[in-house]
Amino acid sequence: MTQQPPIDDVSIGGDSIRLGQFLKFAGLFDSGGDVKEAVIDGYVTVNGEVDRRRGRQLQLGDIVGVDDRRVRVCA
């Protein structure tokens, strides 16, 4: 049985944020180009499922995963 990586909380200061914006804001990627490529290639998960929509609206409590990092959207 593999252990899940810890979840870091990232406060967005509002109720929602787009996936592409959140990935940069949380420090998971340095540039919008890197975000675009990773999302299109299926390296990003939202609540445990691959999501290829950079424009997806994330809500409070959603968990975004990239590689071995998981980050929760918080107010």
N, C-alpha and C. Protein backbone atom coordinates (compact mmCIF):
# COMPACT_ATOMS: atom_id res chain seq x y z
N MET A 1 0.84 -1.18 0.00
CA MET A 1 0.00 0.00 0.00
C MET A 1 0.89 1.24 0.00
N THR A 2 0.63 2.17 -0.93
CA THR A 2 1.43 3.39 -1.01
C THR A 2 0.79 4.47 -0.18
N GLN A 3 1.64 5.30 0.40
CA GLN A 3 1.16 6.39 1.24
C GLN A 3 0.90 7.61 0.37
N GLN A 4 -0.24 8.27 0.60
CA GLN A 4 -0.58 9.48 -0.13
C GLN A 4 0.33 10.62 0.33
N PRO A 5 0.75 11.49 -0.62
CA PRO A 5 1.56 12.64 -0.21
C PRO A 5 0.71 13.60 0.63
N PRO A 6 1.34 14.39 1.49
CA PRO A 6 0.58 15.35 2.30
C PRO A 6 -0.07 16.40 1.42
N ILE A 7 -1.12 17.01 1.95
CA ILE A 7 -1.85 18.04 1.22
C ILE A 7 -1.49 19.40 1.81
N ASP A 8 -1.02 20.31 0.96
CA ASP A 8 -0.74 21.68 1.38
C ASP A 8 -1.97 22.54 1.10
N ASP A 9 -2.27 23.48 1.99
CA ASP A 9 -3.38 24.40 1.79
C ASP A 9 -2.87 25.69 1.18
N VAL A 10 -3.58 26.19 0.15
CA VAL A 10 -3.23 27.46 -0.48
C VAL A 10 -4.47 28.34 -0.47
N SER A 11 -4.36 29.48 0.19
CA SER A 11 -5.48 30.41 0.29
C SER A 11 -5.54 31.28 -0.97
N ILE A 12 -6.73 31.34 -1.57
CA ILE A 12 -6.90 32.11 -2.80
C ILE A 12 -7.56 33.46 -2.55
N GLY A 13 -8.06 33.69 -1.33
CA GLY A 13 -8.65 34.98 -1.00
C GLY A 13 -10.00 35.22 -1.65
N GLY A 14 -10.68 34.17 -2.07
CA GLY A 14 -12.00 34.30 -2.69
C GLY A 14 -12.69 32.96 -2.69
N ASP A 15 -13.72 32.84 -3.53
CA ASP A 15 -14.50 31.61 -3.58
C ASP A 15 -14.08 30.65 -4.68
N SER A 16 -13.50 31.18 -5.76
CA SER A 16 -13.13 30.30 -6.87
C SER A 16 -11.95 30.90 -7.62
N ILE A 17 -11.30 30.04 -8.41
CA ILE A 17 -10.15 30.44 -9.22
C ILE A 17 -10.05 29.43 -10.36
N ARG A 18 -9.55 29.85 -11.49
CA ARG A 18 -9.38 28.94 -12.62
C ARG A 18 -8.16 28.05 -12.39
N LEU A 19 -8.23 26.82 -12.91
CA LEU A 19 -7.17 25.84 -12.70
C LEU A 19 -5.81 26.38 -13.14
N GLY A 20 -5.71 26.94 -14.32
CA GLY A 20 -4.44 27.46 -14.82
C GLY A 20 -3.86 28.53 -13.91
N GLN A 21 -4.71 29.43 -13.43
CA GLN A 21 -4.26 30.49 -12.53
C GLN A 21 -3.78 29.89 -11.21
N PHE A 22 -4.52 28.92 -10.70
CA PHE A 22 -4.19 28.31 -9.42
C PHE A 22 -2.84 27.59 -9.48
N LEU A 23 -2.58 26.90 -10.57
CA LEU A 23 -1.32 26.16 -10.69
C LEU A 23 -0.12 27.09 -10.59
N LYS A 24 -0.22 28.27 -11.18
CA LYS A 24 0.87 29.25 -11.06
C LYS A 24 0.86 29.89 -9.69
N PHE A 25 -0.31 30.27 -9.18
CA PHE A 25 -0.43 30.93 -7.89
C PHE A 25 0.12 30.06 -6.76
N ALA A 26 -0.13 28.76 -6.83
CA ALA A 26 0.33 27.83 -5.80
C ALA A 26 1.80 27.47 -5.94
N GLY A 27 2.44 27.95 -7.01
CA GLY A 27 3.86 27.69 -7.21
C GLY A 27 4.16 26.31 -7.79
N LEU A 28 3.15 25.67 -8.36
CA LEU A 28 3.37 24.35 -8.95
C LEU A 28 4.06 24.44 -10.31
N PHE A 29 3.89 25.58 -10.99
CA PHE A 29 4.55 25.84 -12.27
C PHE A 29 5.01 27.29 -12.29
N ASP A 30 6.07 27.54 -13.07
CA ASP A 30 6.63 28.89 -13.16
C ASP A 30 6.02 29.75 -14.24
N SER A 31 5.50 29.11 -15.30
CA SER A 31 5.00 29.90 -16.42
C SER A 31 3.68 29.35 -16.94
N GLY A 32 2.96 30.22 -17.61
CA GLY A 32 1.70 29.80 -18.22
C GLY A 32 1.90 28.74 -19.29
N GLY A 33 3.03 28.80 -19.98
CA GLY A 33 3.33 27.79 -20.99
C GLY A 33 3.50 26.42 -20.37
N ASP A 34 4.19 26.37 -19.22
CA ASP A 34 4.35 25.09 -18.53
C ASP A 34 3.01 24.55 -18.05
N VAL A 35 2.15 25.45 -17.55
CA VAL A 35 0.81 25.06 -17.10
C VAL A 35 0.03 24.46 -18.26
N LYS A 36 0.02 25.16 -19.38
CA LYS A 36 -0.74 24.72 -20.55
C LYS A 36 -0.30 23.32 -20.98
N GLU A 37 0.99 23.12 -21.09
CA GLU A 37 1.53 21.84 -21.53
C GLU A 37 1.17 20.71 -20.55
N ALA A 38 1.34 20.96 -19.26
CA ALA A 38 1.07 19.93 -18.26
C ALA A 38 -0.40 19.55 -18.23
N VAL A 39 -1.29 20.54 -18.33
CA VAL A 39 -2.73 20.27 -18.29
C VAL A 39 -3.14 19.49 -19.54
N ILE A 40 -2.71 19.93 -20.70
CA ILE A 40 -3.07 19.25 -21.95
C ILE A 40 -2.55 17.83 -21.98
N ASP A 41 -1.34 17.61 -21.44
CA ASP A 41 -0.73 16.28 -21.45
C ASP A 41 -1.29 15.35 -20.36
N GLY A 42 -2.19 15.88 -19.51
CA GLY A 42 -2.84 15.04 -18.51
C GLY A 42 -2.05 14.80 -17.25
N TYR A 43 -1.13 15.70 -16.91
CA TYR A 43 -0.33 15.55 -15.70
C TYR A 43 -0.97 16.17 -14.46
N VAL A 44 -2.11 16.81 -14.63
CA VAL A 44 -2.77 17.52 -13.52
C VAL A 44 -4.07 16.80 -13.16
N THR A 45 -4.28 16.60 -11.86
CA THR A 45 -5.54 16.01 -11.40
C THR A 45 -6.28 17.02 -10.53
N VAL A 46 -7.60 16.92 -10.56
CA VAL A 46 -8.47 17.69 -9.67
C VAL A 46 -9.36 16.68 -8.97
N ASN A 47 -9.26 16.65 -7.67
CA ASN A 47 -10.01 15.70 -6.84
C ASN A 47 -9.78 14.26 -7.30
N GLY A 48 -8.53 13.96 -7.67
CA GLY A 48 -8.14 12.60 -8.01
C GLY A 48 -8.38 12.18 -9.44
N GLU A 49 -8.94 13.06 -10.28
CA GLU A 49 -9.21 12.73 -11.68
C GLU A 49 -8.48 13.70 -12.60
N VAL A 50 -7.92 13.17 -13.69
CA VAL A 50 -7.23 14.00 -14.67
C VAL A 50 -8.22 15.01 -15.25
N ASP A 51 -7.79 16.27 -15.31
CA ASP A 51 -8.62 17.32 -15.91
C ASP A 51 -7.76 18.10 -16.88
N ARG A 52 -8.20 18.18 -18.12
CA ARG A 52 -7.42 18.85 -19.18
C ARG A 52 -7.97 20.23 -19.53
N ARG A 53 -8.70 20.85 -18.59
CA ARG A 53 -9.29 22.17 -18.85
C ARG A 53 -8.62 23.22 -17.96
N ARG A 54 -7.75 24.03 -18.56
CA ARG A 54 -7.09 25.09 -17.79
C ARG A 54 -8.10 26.07 -17.22
N GLY A 55 -9.22 26.25 -17.90
CA GLY A 55 -10.24 27.21 -17.49
C GLY A 55 -11.23 26.67 -16.47
N ARG A 56 -11.06 25.45 -16.03
CA ARG A 56 -11.98 24.88 -15.05
C ARG A 56 -12.01 25.74 -13.79
N GLN A 57 -13.21 26.02 -13.31
CA GLN A 57 -13.37 26.79 -12.08
C GLN A 57 -13.17 25.86 -10.88
N LEU A 58 -12.15 26.14 -10.09
CA LEU A 58 -11.93 25.39 -8.86
C LEU A 58 -12.75 26.03 -7.75
N GLN A 59 -13.26 25.23 -6.86
CA GLN A 59 -14.02 25.71 -5.72
C GLN A 59 -13.23 25.43 -4.45
N LEU A 60 -13.61 26.07 -3.36
CA LEU A 60 -12.96 25.83 -2.08
C LEU A 60 -13.05 24.35 -1.74
N GLY A 61 -11.95 23.79 -1.29
CA GLY A 61 -11.90 22.38 -0.92
C GLY A 61 -11.42 21.45 -2.02
N ASP A 62 -11.38 21.93 -3.27
CA ASP A 62 -10.85 21.09 -4.35
C ASP A 62 -9.37 20.80 -4.10
N ILE A 63 -8.95 19.61 -4.49
CA ILE A 63 -7.55 19.21 -4.32
C ILE A 63 -6.92 19.00 -5.69
N VAL A 64 -5.86 19.75 -5.95
CA VAL A 64 -5.15 19.70 -7.22
C VAL A 64 -3.86 18.94 -7.02
N GLY A 65 -3.58 18.00 -7.92
CA GLY A 65 -2.38 17.20 -7.83
C GLY A 65 -1.51 17.32 -9.06
N VAL A 66 -0.20 17.40 -8.83
CA VAL A 66 0.81 17.40 -9.88
C VAL A 66 1.98 16.58 -9.37
N ASP A 67 2.32 15.52 -10.10
CA ASP A 67 3.40 14.63 -9.67
C ASP A 67 3.12 14.14 -8.25
N ASP A 68 4.02 14.43 -7.33
CA ASP A 68 3.84 13.95 -5.96
C ASP A 68 3.35 15.05 -5.02
N ARG A 69 2.87 16.16 -5.56
CA ARG A 69 2.33 17.25 -4.73
C ARG A 69 0.82 17.31 -4.84
N ARG A 70 0.18 17.58 -3.71
CA ARG A 70 -1.26 17.80 -3.68
C ARG A 70 -1.53 19.08 -2.91
N VAL A 71 -2.39 19.92 -3.48
CA VAL A 71 -2.66 21.24 -2.90
C VAL A 71 -4.17 21.45 -2.86
N ARG A 72 -4.66 21.90 -1.67
CA ARG A 72 -6.09 22.15 -1.49
C ARG A 72 -6.39 23.64 -1.64
N VAL A 73 -7.47 23.96 -2.34
CA VAL A 73 -7.93 25.34 -2.51
C VAL A 73 -8.64 25.77 -1.23
N CYS A 74 -8.14 26.83 -0.60
CA CYS A 74 -8.73 27.33 0.66
C CYS A 74 -9.06 28.82 0.52
N ALA A 75 -9.97 29.27 1.39
CA ALA A 75 -10.40 30.68 1.37
C ALA A 75 -9.32 31.56 1.98
